[in-house]
Amino acid sequence: MKKNIILCTVLFILDRLSKWYAITYLKNVVAVNSFCSLELVYNRGISWGMLQFEDPMLFFWLSCAITALLAVFIWHTITHYTKGVSGIFEFMVITGALSNVIDRVWYSGVVDFIALRCSQYSFPVFNIADIYVVLGIAGMLLFSRKRFD
């Protein structure tokens, strides 16, 4: 567990620094190449900007629901860890989700800044914490069979 916590602490700091950089320096869109750009967006919804709420009360209740789900997932992870499951992928999900919850409290929206485009298709703007969540869920799905065999 100590290695998981150290790794996730480093990942958390990397995400927080990247968001600080985005807030501090991304006043305009910065084109990295024809496929990727950096542009600051505050996501007040859920994944891919769905359920965007301008109403502060709706945003508050959505944020409460997300925080409650995260708390349940943390409990799930601790429970599985005590049964001998590594938990690295779960810790990655927790790291990314926790950083995004902090954004909701501090900035009234999740700080997103990585934009990918290919031809006419634009992928929703995301952040490094979102990458942790996606990789963590993918890892959990790929290795879940071992847990239930």
C-alpha atoms as a PDB file:
ATOM      1  CA  MET A   1       0.000   0.000   0.000  1.00  0.00           C
ATOM      2  CA  LYS A   2       2.905   2.345   0.726  1.00  0.00           C
ATOM      3  CA  LYS A   3       4.053   2.195  -2.919  1.00  0.00           C
ATOM      4  CA  ASN A   4       0.497   2.904  -4.103  1.00  0.00           C
ATOM      5  CA  ILE A   5       0.251   5.943  -1.844  1.00  0.00           C
ATOM      6  CA  ILE A   6       3.651   7.296  -2.919  1.00  0.00           C
ATOM      7  CA  LEU A   7       2.832   6.839  -6.610  1.00  0.00           C
ATOM      8  CA  CYS A   8      -0.587   8.431  -6.258  1.00  0.00           C
ATOM      9  CA  THR A   9       0.843  11.330  -4.251  1.00  0.00           C
ATOM     10  CA  VAL A  10       3.274  12.041  -7.089  1.00  0.00           C
ATOM     11  CA  LEU A  11       0.449  11.751  -9.639  1.00  0.00           C
ATOM     12  CA  PHE A  12      -1.749  14.048  -7.541  1.00  0.00           C
ATOM     13  CA  ILE A  13       0.982  16.697  -7.315  1.00  0.00           C
ATOM     14  CA  LEU A  14       1.588  16.460 -11.073  1.00  0.00           C
ATOM     15  CA  ASP A  15      -2.112  17.019 -11.738  1.00  0.00           C
ATOM     16  CA  ARG A  16      -2.371  19.936  -9.288  1.00  0.00           C
ATOM     17  CA  LEU A  17       0.718  21.589 -10.822  1.00  0.00           C
ATOM     18  CA  SER A  18      -0.647  21.149 -14.348  1.00  0.00           C
ATOM     19  CA  LYS A  19      -3.934  22.777 -13.317  1.00  0.00           C
ATOM     20  CA  TRP A  20      -2.087  25.621 -11.597  1.00  0.00           C
ATOM     21  CA  TYR A  21      -0.124  26.154 -14.801  1.00  0.00           C
ATOM     22  CA  ALA A  22      -3.317  26.143 -16.885  1.00  0.00           C
ATOM     23  CA  ILE A  23      -5.051  28.666 -14.617  1.00  0.00           C
ATOM     24  CA  THR A  24      -1.987  30.901 -14.414  1.00  0.00           C
ATOM     25  CA  TYR A  25      -0.740  30.866 -18.005  1.00  0.00           C
ATOM     26  CA  LEU A  26      -3.482  29.723 -20.405  1.00  0.00           C
ATOM     27  CA  LYS A  27      -5.196  33.024 -21.087  1.00  0.00           C
ATOM     28  CA  ASN A  28      -5.441  32.150 -24.795  1.00  0.00           C
ATOM     29  CA  VAL A  29      -5.558  28.880 -26.707  1.00  0.00           C
ATOM     30  CA  VAL A  30      -2.068  27.459 -27.258  1.00  0.00           C
ATOM     31  CA  ALA A  31      -1.718  25.170 -30.271  1.00  0.00           C
ATOM     32  CA  VAL A  32       0.737  22.361 -29.526  1.00  0.00           C
ATOM     33  CA  ASN A  33       0.290  20.856 -33.002  1.00  0.00           C
ATOM     34  CA  SER A  34      -2.569  20.301 -35.462  1.00  0.00           C
ATOM     35  CA  PHE A  35      -3.959  17.546 -33.221  1.00  0.00           C
ATOM     36  CA  CYS A  36      -3.577  19.011 -29.711  1.00  0.00           C
ATOM     37  CA  SER A  37      -4.081  22.393 -28.105  1.00  0.00           C
ATOM     38  CA  LEU A  38      -4.189  23.749 -24.580  1.00  0.00           C
ATOM     39  CA  GLU A  39      -7.245  25.793 -23.662  1.00  0.00           C
ATOM     40  CA  LEU A  40      -8.617  26.557 -20.226  1.00  0.00           C
ATOM     41  CA  VAL A  41     -12.191  25.402 -19.581  1.00  0.00           C
ATOM     42  CA  TYR A  42     -14.096  25.060 -16.304  1.00  0.00           C
ATOM     43  CA  ASN A  43     -16.345  22.009 -16.491  1.00  0.00           C
ATOM     44  CA  ARG A  44     -19.353  22.397 -14.189  1.00  0.00           C
ATOM     45  CA  GLY A  45     -20.857  19.096 -15.299  1.00  0.00           C
ATOM     46  CA  ILE A  46     -19.648  15.521 -15.381  1.00  0.00           C
ATOM     47  CA  SER A  47     -17.530  13.629 -17.912  1.00  0.00           C
ATOM     48  CA  TRP A  48     -17.325  15.222 -21.351  1.00  0.00           C
ATOM     49  CA  GLY A  49     -19.182  18.295 -20.133  1.00  0.00           C
ATOM     50  CA  MET A  50     -22.522  16.522 -19.777  1.00  0.00           C
ATOM     51  CA  LEU A  51     -25.014  17.898 -17.235  1.00  0.00           C
ATOM     52  CA  GLN A  52     -23.543  21.412 -17.209  1.00  0.00           C
ATOM     53  CA  PHE A  53     -25.328  23.441 -14.535  1.00  0.00           C
ATOM     54  CA  GLU A  54     -25.143  27.215 -14.248  1.00  0.00           C
ATOM     55  CA  ASP A  55     -27.541  27.134 -11.299  1.00  0.00           C
ATOM     56  CA  PRO A  56     -25.333  27.064  -8.160  1.00  0.00           C
ATOM     57  CA  MET A  57     -27.712  24.757  -6.278  1.00  0.00           C
ATOM     58  CA  LEU A  58     -27.795  22.154  -9.057  1.00  0.00           C
ATOM     59  CA  PHE A  59     -24.005  22.330  -9.307  1.00  0.00           C
ATOM     60  CA  PHE A  60     -23.776  21.919  -5.519  1.00  0.00           C
ATOM     61  CA  TRP A  61     -26.016  18.827  -5.494  1.00  0.00           C
ATOM     62  CA  LEU A  62     -24.197  17.269  -8.450  1.00  0.00           C
ATOM     63  CA  SER A  63     -20.895  17.876  -6.646  1.00  0.00           C
ATOM     64  CA  CYS A  64     -22.316  16.302  -3.467  1.00  0.00           C
ATOM     65  CA  ALA A  65     -23.411  13.227  -5.429  1.00  0.00           C
ATOM     66  CA  ILE A  66     -19.958  12.899  -7.020  1.00  0.00           C
ATOM     67  CA  THR A  67     -18.281  13.265  -3.617  1.00  0.00           C
ATOM     68  CA  ALA A  68     -20.590  10.624  -2.114  1.00  0.00           C
ATOM     69  CA  LEU A  69     -19.789   8.207  -4.952  1.00  0.00           C
ATOM     70  CA  LEU A  70     -16.087   8.849  -4.416  1.00  0.00           C
ATOM     71  CA  ALA A  71     -16.467   8.110  -0.693  1.00  0.00           C
ATOM     72  CA  VAL A  72     -18.188   4.792  -1.489  1.00  0.00           C
ATOM     73  CA  PHE A  73     -15.429   3.949  -3.965  1.00  0.00           C
ATOM     74  CA  ILE A  74     -12.744   4.745  -1.367  1.00  0.00           C
ATOM     75  CA  TRP A  75     -14.513   2.416   1.081  1.00  0.00           C
ATOM     76  CA  HIS A  76     -14.674  -0.267  -1.655  1.00  0.00           C
ATOM     77  CA  THR A  77     -10.944   0.123  -2.334  1.00  0.00           C
ATOM     78  CA  ILE A  78      -9.976  -0.111   1.332  1.00  0.00           C
ATOM     79  CA  THR A  79     -12.196  -3.182   1.753  1.00  0.00           C
ATOM     80  CA  HIS A  80     -10.613  -4.917  -1.238  1.00  0.00           C
ATOM     81  CA  TYR A  81      -7.105  -3.924  -0.179  1.00  0.00           C
ATOM     82  CA  THR A  82      -7.596  -5.615   3.197  1.00  0.00           C
ATOM     83  CA  LYS A  83      -8.474  -8.783   1.246  1.00  0.00           C
ATOM     84  CA  GLY A  84      -5.127  -8.717  -0.536  1.00  0.00           C
ATOM     85  CA  VAL A  85      -6.063  -6.906  -3.766  1.00  0.00           C
ATOM     86  CA  SER A  86      -3.273  -4.581  -4.942  1.00  0.00           C
ATOM     87  CA  GLY A  87      -5.545  -1.618  -5.534  1.00  0.00           C
ATOM     88  CA  ILE A  88      -3.179   0.395  -7.751  1.00  0.00           C
ATOM     89  CA  PHE A  89      -5.855   0.989 -10.383  1.00  0.00           C
ATOM     90  CA  GLU A  90      -8.404   1.894  -7.743  1.00  0.00           C
ATOM     91  CA  PHE A  91      -5.915   4.330  -6.221  1.00  0.00           C
ATOM     92  CA  MET A  92      -5.453   5.940  -9.649  1.00  0.00           C
ATOM     93  CA  VAL A  93      -9.215   6.476  -9.936  1.00  0.00           C
ATOM     94  CA  ILE A  94      -9.321   7.931  -6.421  1.00  0.00           C
ATOM     95  CA  THR A  95      -6.374  10.243  -7.159  1.00  0.00           C
ATOM     96  CA  GLY A  96      -7.971  11.671 -10.298  1.00  0.00           C
ATOM     97  CA  ALA A  97     -11.457  11.920  -8.842  1.00  0.00           C
ATOM     98  CA  LEU A  98     -10.224  13.549  -5.637  1.00  0.00           C
ATOM     99  CA  SER A  99      -8.289  16.190  -7.568  1.00  0.00           C
ATOM    100  CA  ASN A 100     -11.358  16.970  -9.658  1.00  0.00           C
ATOM    101  CA  VAL A 101     -13.532  17.231  -6.528  1.00  0.00           C
ATOM    102  CA  ILE A 102     -11.032  19.726  -5.110  1.00  0.00           C
ATOM    103  CA  ASP A 103     -11.452  21.772  -8.313  1.00  0.00           C
ATOM    104  CA  ARG A 104     -15.218  21.790  -7.801  1.00  0.00           C
ATOM    105  CA  VAL A 105     -14.748  23.267  -4.332  1.00  0.00           C
ATOM    106  CA  TRP A 106     -11.935  25.739  -5.137  1.00  0.00           C
ATOM    107  CA  TYR A 107     -12.901  26.849  -8.648  1.00  0.00           C
ATOM    108  CA  SER A 108     -16.621  25.989  -8.935  1.00  0.00           C
ATOM    109  CA  GLY A 109     -15.791  23.701 -11.832  1.00  0.00           C
ATOM    110  CA  VAL A 110     -13.204  21.136 -12.879  1.00  0.00           C
ATOM    111  CA  VAL A 111     -10.141  22.690 -14.535  1.00  0.00           C
ATOM    112  CA  ASP A 112      -9.794  21.132 -17.996  1.00  0.00           C
ATOM    113  CA  PHE A 113      -7.200  22.229 -20.527  1.00  0.00           C
ATOM    114  CA  ILE A 114      -6.164  19.468 -22.968  1.00  0.00           C
ATOM    115  CA  ALA A 115      -8.077  19.627 -26.260  1.00  0.00           C
ATOM    116  CA  LEU A 116      -7.671  17.013 -28.995  1.00  0.00           C
ATOM    117  CA  ARG A 117      -8.963  17.426 -32.537  1.00  0.00           C
ATOM    118  CA  CYS A 118      -8.756  15.243 -35.595  1.00  0.00           C
ATOM    119  CA  SER A 119     -10.222  16.619 -38.806  1.00  0.00           C
ATOM    120  CA  GLN A 120     -13.721  17.789 -37.878  1.00  0.00           C
ATOM    121  CA  TYR A 121     -13.960  15.729 -34.687  1.00  0.00           C
ATOM    122  CA  SER A 122     -13.207  17.398 -31.341  1.00  0.00           C
ATOM    123  CA  PHE A 123     -12.742  15.291 -28.242  1.00  0.00           C
ATOM    124  CA  PRO A 124     -14.090  16.931 -25.057  1.00  0.00           C
ATOM    125  CA  VAL A 125     -11.485  19.000 -23.209  1.00  0.00           C
ATOM    126  CA  PHE A 126      -9.952  17.065 -20.305  1.00  0.00           C
ATOM    127  CA  ASN A 127      -7.150  17.165 -17.729  1.00  0.00           C
ATOM    128  CA  ILE A 128      -4.457  14.874 -16.361  1.00  0.00           C
ATOM    129  CA  ALA A 129      -6.686  13.681 -13.489  1.00  0.00           C
ATOM    130  CA  ASP A 130      -9.162  12.447 -16.108  1.00  0.00           C
ATOM    131  CA  ILE A 131      -6.356  10.368 -17.623  1.00  0.00           C
ATOM    132  CA  TYR A 132      -5.769   8.751 -14.226  1.00  0.00           C
ATOM    133  CA  VAL A 133      -9.470   7.913 -13.907  1.00  0.00           C
ATOM    134  CA  VAL A 134      -9.637   6.385 -17.397  1.00  0.00           C
ATOM    135  CA  LEU A 135      -6.417   4.371 -16.971  1.00  0.00           C
ATOM    136  CA  GLY A 136      -7.537   3.223 -13.518  1.00  0.00           C
ATOM    137  CA  ILE A 137     -10.927   2.043 -14.761  1.00  0.00           C
ATOM    138  CA  ALA A 138      -9.322   0.360 -17.780  1.00  0.00           C
ATOM    139  CA  GLY A 139      -6.865  -1.437 -15.493  1.00  0.00           C
ATOM    140  CA  MET A 140      -9.641  -2.527 -13.161  1.00  0.00           C
ATOM    141  CA  LEU A 141     -11.628  -3.909 -16.094  1.00  0.00           C
ATOM    142  CA  LEU A 142      -8.640  -5.667 -17.652  1.00  0.00           C
ATOM    143  CA  PHE A 143      -7.547  -7.317 -14.432  1.00  0.00           C
ATOM    144  CA  SER A 144     -10.939  -7.875 -12.783  1.00  0.00           C
ATOM    145  CA  ARG A 145     -11.170 -11.411 -14.137  1.00  0.00           C
ATOM    146  CA  LYS A 146      -8.234 -12.445 -11.964  1.00  0.00           C
ATOM    147  CA  ARG A 147     -10.120 -11.266  -8.891  1.00  0.00           C
ATOM    148  CA  PHE A 148     -13.218 -13.339  -9.576  1.00  0.00           C
ATOM    149  CA  ASP A 149     -11.691 -16.577 -10.894  1.00  0.00           C
END
